[in-house]
Amino acid sequence: MKKFLSVICCLAIILSLAACGGGGGDALKGTWEQAGTDYGTVTWKFDGKGGFTSESDFFDNKGTYTIDGSQVTITREGDFADPVVYDFAVSGSSLTLTATDGLAPDYDLTKK
């Protein structure tokens, strides 16, 4: 009986760890900033749970994001709710967002 309970406990632990996800987490999670844009200093905050805020001297936005490979889809709340797809790359403390539509601004951000 003790062996059976030990096996069940081990399986429960393994399943719990697997459920936590060993996928390395959200590459965008954190606060990223770029100074000197047409909008002044731009700050993006990704919460690691699919929510974001972006702020600049001229606008404040919030909404959701989803990651698919090396692309992120940003969906703002409010008047500009059409999704924008960016190719992204993270290298150390740098994040590059390149709009796939050619209309949205591109960003070269630094982790704060």
PDB file of N, CA and C in Angstrom:
ATOM      1  N   MET A   1       0.816  -1.195   0.000  1.00  0.00           N
ATOM      2  CA  MET A   1       0.000   0.000   0.000  1.00  0.00           C
ATOM      3  C   MET A   1       0.867   1.270   0.000  1.00  0.00           C
ATOM      4  N   LYS A   2       1.967   1.250   0.781  1.00  0.00           N
ATOM      5  CA  LYS A   2       2.851   2.410   0.833  1.00  0.00           C
ATOM      6  C   LYS A   2       3.490   2.653  -0.527  1.00  0.00           C
ATOM      7  N   LYS A   3       3.855   1.565  -1.225  1.00  0.00           N
ATOM      8  CA  LYS A   3       4.439   1.711  -2.554  1.00  0.00           C
ATOM      9  C   LYS A   3       3.437   2.341  -3.514  1.00  0.00           C
ATOM     10  N   PHE A   4       2.215   1.902  -3.442  1.00  0.00           N
ATOM     11  CA  PHE A   4       1.156   2.428  -4.298  1.00  0.00           C
ATOM     12  C   PHE A   4       0.967   3.926  -4.057  1.00  0.00           C
ATOM     13  N   LEU A   5       0.919   4.340  -2.789  1.00  0.00           N
ATOM     14  CA  LEU A   5       0.759   5.770  -2.464  1.00  0.00           C
ATOM     15  C   LEU A   5       1.968   6.570  -2.924  1.00  0.00           C
ATOM     16  N   SER A   6       3.161   6.004  -2.800  1.00  0.00           N
ATOM     17  CA  SER A   6       4.367   6.696  -3.262  1.00  0.00           C
ATOM     18  C   SER A   6       4.327   6.916  -4.769  1.00  0.00           C
ATOM     19  N   VAL A   7       3.902   5.892  -5.506  1.00  0.00           N
ATOM     20  CA  VAL A   7       3.804   6.007  -6.961  1.00  0.00           C
ATOM     21  C   VAL A   7       2.773   7.067  -7.330  1.00  0.00           C
ATOM     22  N   ILE A   8       1.628   7.056  -6.668  1.00  0.00           N
ATOM     23  CA  ILE A   8       0.576   8.044  -6.936  1.00  0.00           C
ATOM     24  C   ILE A   8       1.086   9.451  -6.634  1.00  0.00           C
ATOM     25  N   CYS A   9       1.788   9.628  -5.530  1.00  0.00           N
ATOM     26  CA  CYS A   9       2.329  10.952  -5.179  1.00  0.00           C
ATOM     27  C   CYS A   9       3.344  11.416  -6.228  1.00  0.00           C
ATOM     28  N   CYS A  10       4.223  10.528  -6.661  1.00  0.00           N
ATOM     29  CA  CYS A  10       5.215  10.880  -7.685  1.00  0.00           C
ATOM     30  C   CYS A  10       4.536  11.284  -8.984  1.00  0.00           C
ATOM     31  N   LEU A  11       3.527  10.534  -9.391  1.00  0.00           N
ATOM     32  CA  LEU A  11       2.790  10.881 -10.605  1.00  0.00           C
ATOM     33  C   LEU A  11       2.105  12.234 -10.471  1.00  0.00           C
ATOM     34  N   ALA A  12       1.535  12.502  -9.320  1.00  0.00           N
ATOM     35  CA  ALA A  12       0.866  13.788  -9.094  1.00  0.00           C
ATOM     36  C   ALA A  12       1.858  14.938  -9.203  1.00  0.00           C
ATOM     37  N   ILE A  13       3.054  14.754  -8.657  1.00  0.00           N
ATOM     38  CA  ILE A  13       4.075  15.794  -8.730  1.00  0.00           C
ATOM     39  C   ILE A  13       4.513  16.015 -10.168  1.00  0.00           C
ATOM     40  N   ILE A  14       4.751  14.936 -10.888  1.00  0.00           N
ATOM     41  CA  ILE A  14       5.172  15.049 -12.287  1.00  0.00           C
ATOM     42  C   ILE A  14       4.111  15.753 -13.116  1.00  0.00           C
ATOM     43  N   LEU A  15       2.848  15.376 -12.925  1.00  0.00           N
ATOM     44  CA  LEU A  15       1.770  16.015 -13.676  1.00  0.00           C
ATOM     45  C   LEU A  15       1.623  17.484 -13.307  1.00  0.00           C
ATOM     46  N   SER A  16       1.815  17.804 -12.036  1.00  0.00           N
ATOM     47  CA  SER A  16       1.734  19.209 -11.609  1.00  0.00           C
ATOM     48  C   SER A  16       2.825  20.040 -12.252  1.00  0.00           C
ATOM     49  N   LEU A  17       4.046  19.503 -12.293  1.00  0.00           N
ATOM     50  CA  LEU A  17       5.146  20.228 -12.917  1.00  0.00           C
ATOM     51  C   LEU A  17       4.915  20.401 -14.406  1.00  0.00           C
ATOM     52  N   ALA A  18       4.389  19.378 -15.059  1.00  0.00           N
ATOM     53  CA  ALA A  18       4.105  19.478 -16.493  1.00  0.00           C
ATOM     54  C   ALA A  18       3.030  20.516 -16.764  1.00  0.00           C
ATOM     55  N   ALA A  19       2.048  20.605 -15.891  1.00  0.00           N
ATOM     56  CA  ALA A  19       0.956  21.570 -16.066  1.00  0.00           C
ATOM     57  C   ALA A  19       1.455  23.007 -15.922  1.00  0.00           C
ATOM     58  N   CYS A  20       2.509  23.208 -15.145  1.00  0.00           N
ATOM     59  CA  CYS A  20       3.070  24.552 -14.981  1.00  0.00           C
ATOM     60  C   CYS A  20       3.726  25.027 -16.260  1.00  0.00           C
ATOM     61  N   GLY A  21       4.030  24.105 -17.145  1.00  0.00           N
ATOM     62  CA  GLY A  21       4.602  24.465 -18.442  1.00  0.00           C
ATOM     63  C   GLY A  21       6.084  24.690 -18.363  1.00  0.00           C
ATOM     64  N   GLY A  22       6.788  23.909 -19.064  1.00  0.00           N
ATOM     65  CA  GLY A  22       8.224  24.067 -19.136  1.00  0.00           C
ATOM     66  C   GLY A  22       8.621  24.749 -20.422  1.00  0.00           C
ATOM     67  N   GLY A  23       7.694  25.507 -21.025  1.00  0.00           N
ATOM     68  CA  GLY A  23       7.924  26.099 -22.322  1.00  0.00           C
ATOM     69  C   GLY A  23       8.827  27.315 -22.315  1.00  0.00           C
ATOM     70  N   GLY A  24       9.446  27.647 -21.198  1.00  0.00           N
ATOM     71  CA  GLY A  24      10.384  28.749 -21.184  1.00  0.00           C
ATOM     72  C   GLY A  24       9.729  30.095 -20.924  1.00  0.00           C
ATOM     73  N   GLY A  25       8.413  30.159 -20.872  1.00  0.00           N
ATOM     74  CA  GLY A  25       7.750  31.402 -20.545  1.00  0.00           C
ATOM     75  C   GLY A  25       7.535  32.304 -21.751  1.00  0.00           C
ATOM     76  N   ASP A  26       7.087  33.487 -21.474  1.00  0.00           N
ATOM     77  CA  ASP A  26       6.729  34.478 -22.476  1.00  0.00           C
ATOM     78  C   ASP A  26       7.938  35.368 -22.743  1.00  0.00           C
ATOM     79  N   ALA A  27       8.471  35.318 -23.953  1.00  0.00           N
ATOM     80  CA  ALA A  27       9.671  36.083 -24.308  1.00  0.00           C
ATOM     81  C   ALA A  27       9.449  37.590 -24.212  1.00  0.00           C
ATOM     82  N   LEU A  28       8.207  38.046 -24.313  1.00  0.00           N
ATOM     83  CA  LEU A  28       7.921  39.479 -24.292  1.00  0.00           C
ATOM     84  C   LEU A  28       7.681  40.025 -22.892  1.00  0.00           C
ATOM     85  N   LYS A  29       7.473  39.148 -21.931  1.00  0.00           N
ATOM     86  CA  LYS A  29       7.108  39.591 -20.586  1.00  0.00           C
ATOM     87  C   LYS A  29       8.110  40.602 -20.047  1.00  0.00           C
ATOM     88  N   GLY A  30       7.576  41.698 -19.532  1.00  0.00           N
ATOM     89  CA  GLY A  30       8.413  42.730 -18.940  1.00  0.00           C
ATOM     90  C   GLY A  30       8.094  44.104 -19.496  1.00  0.00           C
ATOM     91  N   THR A  31       8.929  45.062 -19.142  1.00  0.00           N
ATOM     92  CA  THR A  31       8.776  46.456 -19.563  1.00  0.00           C
ATOM     93  C   THR A  31       9.892  46.789 -20.542  1.00  0.00           C
ATOM     94  N   TRP A  32       9.498  47.330 -21.688  1.00  0.00           N
ATOM     95  CA  TRP A  32      10.422  47.649 -22.780  1.00  0.00           C
ATOM     96  C   TRP A  32      10.241  49.111 -23.163  1.00  0.00           C
ATOM     97  N   GLU A  33      11.326  49.799 -23.507  1.00  0.00           N
ATOM     98  CA  GLU A  33      11.251  51.236 -23.770  1.00  0.00           C
ATOM     99  C   GLU A  33      12.113  51.629 -24.959  1.00  0.00           C
ATOM    100  N   GLN A  34      11.619  52.639 -25.689  1.00  0.00           N
ATOM    101  CA  GLN A  34      12.401  53.245 -26.774  1.00  0.00           C
ATOM    102  C   GLN A  34      12.206  54.751 -26.718  1.00  0.00           C
ATOM    103  N   ALA A  35      13.302  55.478 -26.673  1.00  0.00           N
ATOM    104  CA  ALA A  35      13.260  56.945 -26.704  1.00  0.00           C
ATOM    105  C   ALA A  35      13.486  57.412 -28.139  1.00  0.00           C
ATOM    106  N   GLY A  36      13.072  58.643 -28.413  1.00  0.00           N
ATOM    107  CA  GLY A  36      13.379  59.262 -29.695  1.00  0.00           C
ATOM    108  C   GLY A  36      12.495  58.841 -30.851  1.00  0.00           C
ATOM    109  N   THR A  37      11.304  58.325 -30.581  1.00  0.00           N
ATOM    110  CA  THR A  37      10.382  57.989 -31.662  1.00  0.00           C
ATOM    111  C   THR A  37       9.577  59.229 -32.036  1.00  0.00           C
ATOM    112  N   ASP A  38       8.773  59.128 -33.078  1.00  0.00           N
ATOM    113  CA  ASP A  38       7.874  60.228 -33.454  1.00  0.00           C
ATOM    114  C   ASP A  38       6.871  60.531 -32.348  1.00  0.00           C
ATOM    115  N   TYR A  39       6.701  59.597 -31.428  1.00  0.00           N
ATOM    116  CA  TYR A  39       5.751  59.749 -30.319  1.00  0.00           C
ATOM    117  C   TYR A  39       6.457  60.039 -29.005  1.00  0.00           C
ATOM    118  N   GLY A  40       7.726  60.388 -29.052  1.00  0.00           N
ATOM    119  CA  GLY A  40       8.510  60.594 -27.840  1.00  0.00           C
ATOM    120  C   GLY A  40       9.011  59.253 -27.329  1.00  0.00           C
ATOM    121  N   THR A  41       9.098  59.117 -26.027  1.00  0.00           N
ATOM    122  CA  THR A  41       9.499  57.843 -25.436  1.00  0.00           C
ATOM    123  C   THR A  41       8.290  56.921 -25.385  1.00  0.00           C
ATOM    124  N   VAL A  42       8.468  55.713 -25.905  1.00  0.00           N
ATOM    125  CA  VAL A  42       7.393  54.717 -25.933  1.00  0.00           C
ATOM    126  C   VAL A  42       7.761  53.594 -24.970  1.00  0.00           C
ATOM    127  N   THR A  43       6.816  53.225 -24.122  1.00  0.00           N
ATOM    128  CA  THR A  43       7.009  52.131 -23.174  1.00  0.00           C
ATOM    129  C   THR A  43       5.936  51.080 -23.399  1.00  0.00           C
ATOM    130  N   TRP A  44       6.377  49.839 -23.614  1.00  0.00           N
ATOM    131  CA  TRP A  44       5.479  48.690 -23.728  1.00  0.00           C
ATOM    132  C   TRP A  44       5.653  47.837 -22.483  1.00  0.00           C
ATOM    133  N   LYS A  45       4.535  47.411 -21.898  1.00  0.00           N
ATOM    134  CA  LYS A  45       4.561  46.495 -20.753  1.00  0.00           C
ATOM    135  C   LYS A  45       3.728  45.271 -21.107  1.00  0.00           C
ATOM    136  N   PHE A  46       4.381  44.115 -21.172  1.00  0.00           N
ATOM    137  CA  PHE A  46       3.711  42.846 -21.436  1.00  0.00           C
ATOM    138  C   PHE A  46       3.650  42.076 -20.125  1.00  0.00           C
ATOM    139  N   ASP A  47       2.448  41.665 -19.717  1.00  0.00           N
ATOM    140  CA  ASP A  47       2.291  41.040 -18.400  1.00  0.00           C
ATOM    141  C   ASP A  47       2.600  39.542 -18.359  1.00  0.00           C
ATOM    142  N   GLY A  48       2.889  38.934 -19.496  1.00  0.00           N
ATOM    143  CA  GLY A  48       3.178  37.513 -19.521  1.00  0.00           C
ATOM    144  C   GLY A  48       1.946  36.640 -19.485  1.00  0.00           C
ATOM    145  N   LYS A  49       0.768  37.271 -19.469  1.00  0.00           N
ATOM    146  CA  LYS A  49      -0.506  36.547 -19.415  1.00  0.00           C
ATOM    147  C   LYS A  49      -1.425  36.937 -20.569  1.00  0.00           C
ATOM    148  N   GLY A  50      -0.876  37.620 -21.568  1.00  0.00           N
ATOM    149  CA  GLY A  50      -1.675  38.022 -22.718  1.00  0.00           C
ATOM    150  C   GLY A  50      -2.226  39.429 -22.660  1.00  0.00           C
ATOM    151  N   GLY A  51      -1.822  40.221 -21.671  1.00  0.00           N
ATOM    152  CA  GLY A  51      -2.265  41.611 -21.574  1.00  0.00           C
ATOM    153  C   GLY A  51      -1.089  42.564 -21.731  1.00  0.00           C
ATOM    154  N   PHE A  52      -1.333  43.741 -22.267  1.00  0.00           N
ATOM    155  CA  PHE A  52      -0.267  44.729 -22.439  1.00  0.00           C
ATOM    156  C   PHE A  52      -0.799  46.129 -22.223  1.00  0.00           C
ATOM    157  N   THR A  53       0.127  47.042 -21.957  1.00  0.00           N
ATOM    158  CA  THR A  53      -0.133  48.485 -22.018  1.00  0.00           C
ATOM    159  C   THR A  53       1.005  49.093 -22.823  1.00  0.00           C
ATOM    160  N   SER A  54       0.722  50.174 -23.513  1.00  0.00           N
ATOM    161  CA  SER A  54       1.773  50.950 -24.179  1.00  0.00           C
ATOM    162  C   SER A  54       1.479  52.419 -23.923  1.00  0.00           C
ATOM    163  N   GLU A  55       2.541  53.157 -23.657  1.00  0.00           N
ATOM    164  CA  GLU A  55       2.403  54.566 -23.307  1.00  0.00           C
ATOM    165  C   GLU A  55       3.458  55.370 -24.045  1.00  0.00           C
ATOM    166  N   SER A  56       3.087  56.595 -24.384  1.00  0.00           N
ATOM    167  CA  SER A  56       4.044  57.531 -24.967  1.00  0.00           C
ATOM    168  C   SER A  56       3.638  58.931 -24.554  1.00  0.00           C
ATOM    169  N   ASP A  57       4.319  59.922 -25.132  1.00  0.00           N
ATOM    170  CA  ASP A  57       3.963  61.307 -24.849  1.00  0.00           C
ATOM    171  C   ASP A  57       2.600  61.666 -25.442  1.00  0.00           C
ATOM    172  N   PHE A  58       2.109  60.884 -26.416  1.00  0.00           N
ATOM    173  CA  PHE A  58       0.887  61.222 -27.133  1.00  0.00           C
ATOM    174  C   PHE A  58      -0.258  60.225 -26.982  1.00  0.00           C
ATOM    175  N   PHE A  59       0.007  59.024 -26.473  1.00  0.00           N
ATOM    176  CA  PHE A  59      -1.073  58.043 -26.371  1.00  0.00           C
ATOM    177  C   PHE A  59      -0.831  57.068 -25.229  1.00  0.00           C
ATOM    178  N   ASP A  60      -1.909  56.486 -24.753  1.00  0.00           N
ATOM    179  CA  ASP A  60      -1.900  55.371 -23.810  1.00  0.00           C
ATOM    180  C   ASP A  60      -2.822  54.313 -24.379  1.00  0.00           C
ATOM    181  N   ASN A  61      -2.347  53.088 -24.471  1.00  0.00           N
ATOM    182  CA  ASN A  61      -3.146  51.979 -24.983  1.00  0.00           C
ATOM    183  C   ASN A  61      -3.071  50.805 -24.028  1.00  0.00           C
ATOM    184  N   LYS A  62      -4.078  49.966 -24.107  1.00  0.00           N
ATOM    185  CA  LYS A  62      -4.012  48.679 -23.434  1.00  0.00           C
ATOM    186  C   LYS A  62      -4.802  47.686 -24.268  1.00  0.00           C
ATOM    187  N   GLY A  63      -4.548  46.425 -24.033  1.00  0.00           N
ATOM    188  CA  GLY A  63      -5.244  45.401 -24.796  1.00  0.00           C
ATOM    189  C   GLY A  63      -4.643  44.037 -24.551  1.00  0.00           C
ATOM    190  N   THR A  64      -4.709  43.203 -25.586  1.00  0.00           N
ATOM    191  CA  THR A  64      -4.236  41.834 -25.468  1.00  0.00           C
ATOM    192  C   THR A  64      -3.209  41.532 -26.558  1.00  0.00           C
ATOM    193  N   TYR A  65      -2.465  40.464 -26.327  1.00  0.00           N
ATOM    194  CA  TYR A  65      -1.509  40.001 -27.329  1.00  0.00           C
ATOM    195  C   TYR A  65      -1.455  38.480 -27.311  1.00  0.00           C
ATOM    196  N   THR A  66      -1.150  37.923 -28.474  1.00  0.00           N
ATOM    197  CA  THR A  66      -0.920  36.489 -28.587  1.00  0.00           C
ATOM    198  C   THR A  66       0.352  36.275 -29.395  1.00  0.00           C
ATOM    199  N   ILE A  67       1.113  35.285 -28.986  1.00  0.00           N
ATOM    200  CA  ILE A  67       2.376  34.953 -29.653  1.00  0.00           C
ATOM    201  C   ILE A  67       2.183  33.672 -30.447  1.00  0.00           C
ATOM    202  N   ASP A  68       2.653  33.693 -31.697  1.00  0.00           N
ATOM    203  CA  ASP A  68       2.655  32.508 -32.549  1.00  0.00           C
ATOM    204  C   ASP A  68       4.017  32.443 -33.231  1.00  0.00           C
ATOM    205  N   GLY A  69       4.892  31.614 -32.699  1.00  0.00           N
ATOM    206  CA  GLY A  69       6.246  31.538 -33.242  1.00  0.00           C
ATOM    207  C   GLY A  69       6.987  32.838 -33.006  1.00  0.00           C
ATOM    208  N   SER A  70       7.419  33.479 -34.081  1.00  0.00           N
ATOM    209  CA  SER A  70       8.143  34.749 -33.962  1.00  0.00           C
ATOM    210  C   SER A  70       7.263  35.937 -34.340  1.00  0.00           C
ATOM    211  N   GLN A  71       5.940  35.741 -34.242  1.00  0.00           N
ATOM    212  CA  GLN A  71       5.009  36.845 -34.488  1.00  0.00           C
ATOM    213  C   GLN A  71       4.145  37.073 -33.258  1.00  0.00           C
ATOM    214  N   VAL A  72       3.812  38.325 -33.042  1.00  0.00           N
ATOM    215  CA  VAL A  72       2.906  38.688 -31.966  1.00  0.00           C
ATOM    216  C   VAL A  72       1.775  39.514 -32.577  1.00  0.00           C
ATOM    217  N   THR A  73       0.550  39.176 -32.203  1.00  0.00           N
ATOM    218  CA  THR A  73      -0.624  39.926 -32.644  1.00  0.00           C
ATOM    219  C   THR A  73      -1.073  40.802 -31.489  1.00  0.00           C
ATOM    220  N   ILE A  74      -1.094  42.101 -31.718  1.00  0.00           N
ATOM    221  CA  ILE A  74      -1.484  43.104 -30.724  1.00  0.00           C
ATOM    222  C   ILE A  74      -2.898  43.563 -31.050  1.00  0.00           C
ATOM    223  N   THR A  75      -3.790  43.470 -30.077  1.00  0.00           N
ATOM    224  CA  THR A  75      -5.157  43.959 -30.253  1.00  0.00           C
ATOM    225  C   THR A  75      -5.434  44.988 -29.166  1.00  0.00           C
ATOM    226  N   ARG A  76      -5.571  46.232 -29.585  1.00  0.00           N
ATOM    227  CA  ARG A  76      -5.831  47.328 -28.654  1.00  0.00           C
ATOM    228  C   ARG A  76      -7.317  47.410 -28.340  1.00  0.00           C
ATOM    229  N   GLU A  77      -7.614  47.956 -27.178  1.00  0.00           N
ATOM    230  CA  GLU A  77      -8.999  48.254 -26.826  1.00  0.00           C
ATOM    231  C   GLU A  77      -9.350  49.616 -27.403  1.00  0.00           C
ATOM    232  N   GLY A  78     -10.627  49.840 -27.671  1.00  0.00           N
ATOM    233  CA  GLY A  78     -11.064  51.165 -28.088  1.00  0.00           C
ATOM    234  C   GLY A  78     -11.100  51.373 -29.582  1.00  0.00           C
ATOM    235  N   ASP A  79     -10.813  52.621 -30.006  1.00  0.00           N
ATOM    236  CA  ASP A  79     -10.967  53.026 -31.395  1.00  0.00           C
ATOM    237  C   ASP A  79     -10.034  52.312 -32.369  1.00  0.00           C
ATOM    238  N   PHE A  80      -8.868  51.905 -31.917  1.00  0.00           N
ATOM    239  CA  PHE A  80      -7.887  51.266 -32.798  1.00  0.00           C
ATOM    240  C   PHE A  80      -7.796  49.774 -32.498  1.00  0.00           C
ATOM    241  N   ALA A  81      -8.951  49.100 -32.541  1.00  0.00           N
ATOM    242  CA  ALA A  81      -9.039  47.705 -32.114  1.00  0.00           C
ATOM    243  C   ALA A  81      -8.666  46.692 -33.188  1.00  0.00           C
ATOM    244  N   ASP A  82      -8.360  47.144 -34.412  1.00  0.00           N
ATOM    245  CA  ASP A  82      -7.938  46.186 -35.436  1.00  0.00           C
ATOM    246  C   ASP A  82      -6.592  45.588 -35.026  1.00  0.00           C
ATOM    247  N   PRO A  83      -6.478  44.268 -35.069  1.00  0.00           N
ATOM    248  CA  PRO A  83      -5.213  43.635 -34.677  1.00  0.00           C
ATOM    249  C   PRO A  83      -4.058  44.055 -35.584  1.00  0.00           C
ATOM    250  N   VAL A  84      -2.882  44.194 -34.992  1.00  0.00           N
ATOM    251  CA  VAL A  84      -1.657  44.480 -35.728  1.00  0.00           C
ATOM    252  C   VAL A  84      -0.696  43.324 -35.457  1.00  0.00           C
ATOM    253  N   VAL A  85      -0.137  42.771 -36.528  1.00  0.00           N
ATOM    254  CA  VAL A  85       0.803  41.661 -36.398  1.00  0.00           C
ATOM    255  C   VAL A  85       2.221  42.199 -36.564  1.00  0.00           C
ATOM    256  N   TYR A  86       3.069  41.848 -35.616  1.00  0.00           N
ATOM    257  CA  TYR A  86       4.479  42.217 -35.654  1.00  0.00           C
ATOM    258  C   TYR A  86       5.332  40.954 -35.713  1.00  0.00           C
ATOM    259  N   ASP A  87       6.396  40.990 -36.510  1.00  0.00           N
ATOM    260  CA  ASP A  87       7.475  40.025 -36.356  1.00  0.00           C
ATOM    261  C   ASP A  87       8.284  40.538 -35.179  1.00  0.00           C
ATOM    262  N   PHE A  88       8.705  39.633 -34.288  1.00  0.00           N
ATOM    263  CA  PHE A  88       9.507  40.104 -33.163  1.00  0.00           C
ATOM    264  C   PHE A  88      10.751  39.248 -32.994  1.00  0.00           C
ATOM    265  N   ALA A  89      11.751  39.877 -32.396  1.00  0.00           N
ATOM    266  CA  ALA A  89      12.994  39.181 -32.063  1.00  0.00           C
ATOM    267  C   ALA A  89      13.500  39.738 -30.743  1.00  0.00           C
ATOM    268  N   VAL A  90      13.854  38.833 -29.841  1.00  0.00           N
ATOM    269  CA  VAL A  90      14.431  39.215 -28.557  1.00  0.00           C
ATOM    270  C   VAL A  90      15.875  38.733 -28.554  1.00  0.00           C
ATOM    271  N   SER A  91      16.776  39.648 -28.241  1.00  0.00           N
ATOM    272  CA  SER A  91      18.191  39.308 -28.138  1.00  0.00           C
ATOM    273  C   SER A  91      18.737  40.005 -26.899  1.00  0.00           C
ATOM    274  N   GLY A  92      18.982  39.244 -25.853  1.00  0.00           N
ATOM    275  CA  GLY A  92      19.440  39.839 -24.601  1.00  0.00           C
ATOM    276  C   GLY A  92      18.404  40.802 -24.064  1.00  0.00           C
ATOM    277  N   SER A  93      18.782  42.060 -23.946  1.00  0.00           N
ATOM    278  CA  SER A  93      17.852  43.074 -23.419  1.00  0.00           C
ATOM    279  C   SER A  93      17.234  43.916 -24.521  1.00  0.00           C
ATOM    280  N   SER A  94      17.230  43.411 -25.762  1.00  0.00           N
ATOM    281  CA  SER A  94      16.657  44.145 -26.891  1.00  0.00           C
ATOM    282  C   SER A  94      15.458  43.402 -27.465  1.00  0.00           C
ATOM    283  N   LEU A  95      14.436  44.149 -27.810  1.00  0.00           N
ATOM    284  CA  LEU A  95      13.240  43.627 -28.466  1.00  0.00           C
ATOM    285  C   LEU A  95      12.984  44.448 -29.714  1.00  0.00           C
ATOM    286  N   THR A  96      12.878  43.776 -30.856  1.00  0.00           N
ATOM    287  CA  THR A  96      12.539  44.432 -32.107  1.00  0.00           C
ATOM    288  C   THR A  96      11.134  44.005 -32.505  1.00  0.00           C
ATOM    289  N   LEU A  97      10.270  44.985 -32.759  1.00  0.00           N
ATOM    290  CA  LEU A  97       8.915  44.743 -33.273  1.00  0.00           C
ATOM    291  C   LEU A  97       8.848  45.353 -34.669  1.00  0.00           C
ATOM    292  N   THR A  98       8.596  44.519 -35.676  1.00  0.00           N
ATOM    293  CA  THR A  98       8.509  44.985 -37.054  1.00  0.00           C
ATOM    294  C   THR A  98       7.108  44.697 -37.567  1.00  0.00           C
ATOM    295  N   ALA A  99       6.361  45.744 -37.875  1.00  0.00           N
ATOM    296  CA  ALA A  99       4.974  45.587 -38.324  1.00  0.00           C
ATOM    297  C   ALA A  99       4.937  44.886 -39.673  1.00  0.00           C
ATOM    298  N   THR A 100       4.082  43.877 -39.803  1.00  0.00           N
ATOM    299  CA  THR A 100       3.985  43.138 -41.059  1.00  0.00           C
ATOM    300  C   THR A 100       3.123  43.863 -42.082  1.00  0.00           C
ATOM    301  N   ASP A 101       2.331  44.851 -41.647  1.00  0.00           N
ATOM    302  CA  ASP A 101       1.453  45.561 -42.576  1.00  0.00           C
ATOM    303  C   ASP A 101       2.119  46.775 -43.225  1.00  0.00           C
ATOM    304  N   GLY A 102       3.290  47.159 -42.744  1.00  0.00           N
ATOM    305  CA  GLY A 102       3.988  48.310 -43.308  1.00  0.00           C
ATOM    306  C   GLY A 102       3.387  49.643 -42.900  1.00  0.00           C
ATOM    307  N   LEU A 103       2.325  49.639 -42.110  1.00  0.00           N
ATOM    308  CA  LEU A 103       1.667  50.879 -41.701  1.00  0.00           C
ATOM    309  C   LEU A 103       1.957  51.252 -40.252  1.00  0.00           C
ATOM    310  N   ALA A 104       1.905  50.268 -39.372  1.00  0.00           N
ATOM    311  CA  ALA A 104       2.162  50.515 -37.952  1.00  0.00           C
ATOM    312  C   ALA A 104       3.650  50.795 -37.768  1.00  0.00           C
ATOM    313  N   PRO A 105       4.001  51.577 -36.747  1.00  0.00           N
ATOM    314  CA  PRO A 105       5.417  51.870 -36.523  1.00  0.00           C
ATOM    315  C   PRO A 105       6.193  50.639 -36.056  1.00  0.00           C
ATOM    316  N   ASP A 106       7.471  50.584 -36.408  1.00  0.00           N
ATOM    317  CA  ASP A 106       8.376  49.554 -35.920  1.00  0.00           C
ATOM    318  C   ASP A 106       9.043  50.069 -34.653  1.00  0.00           C
ATOM    319  N   TYR A 107       9.515  49.144 -33.805  1.00  0.00           N
ATOM    320  CA  TYR A 107      10.132  49.531 -32.549  1.00  0.00           C
ATOM    321  C   TYR A 107      11.421  48.748 -32.331  1.00  0.00           C
ATOM    322  N   ASP A 108      12.424  49.427 -31.766  1.00  0.00           N
ATOM    323  CA  ASP A 108      13.653  48.815 -31.268  1.00  0.00           C
ATOM    324  C   ASP A 108      13.723  49.181 -29.788  1.00  0.00           C
ATOM    325  N   LEU A 109      13.289  48.267 -28.953  1.00  0.00           N
ATOM    326  CA  LEU A 109      13.091  48.547 -27.533  1.00  0.00           C
ATOM    327  C   LEU A 109      14.186  47.915 -26.680  1.00  0.00           C
ATOM    328  N   THR A 110      14.373  48.496 -25.498  1.00  0.00           N
ATOM    329  CA  THR A 110      15.341  47.995 -24.524  1.00  0.00           C
ATOM    330  C   THR A 110      14.590  47.623 -23.254  1.00  0.00           C
ATOM    331  N   LYS A 111      14.939  46.477 -22.671  1.00  0.00           N
ATOM    332  CA  LYS A 111      14.279  46.024 -21.445  1.00  0.00           C
ATOM    333  C   LYS A 111      14.649  46.921 -20.288  1.00  0.00           C
ATOM    334  N   LYS A 112      13.658  47.280 -19.495  1.00  0.00           N
ATOM    335  CA  LYS A 112      13.871  48.141 -18.319  1.00  0.00           C
ATOM    336  C   LYS A 112      14.028  47.284 -17.092  1.00  0.00           C
TER     337      LYS A 112
END
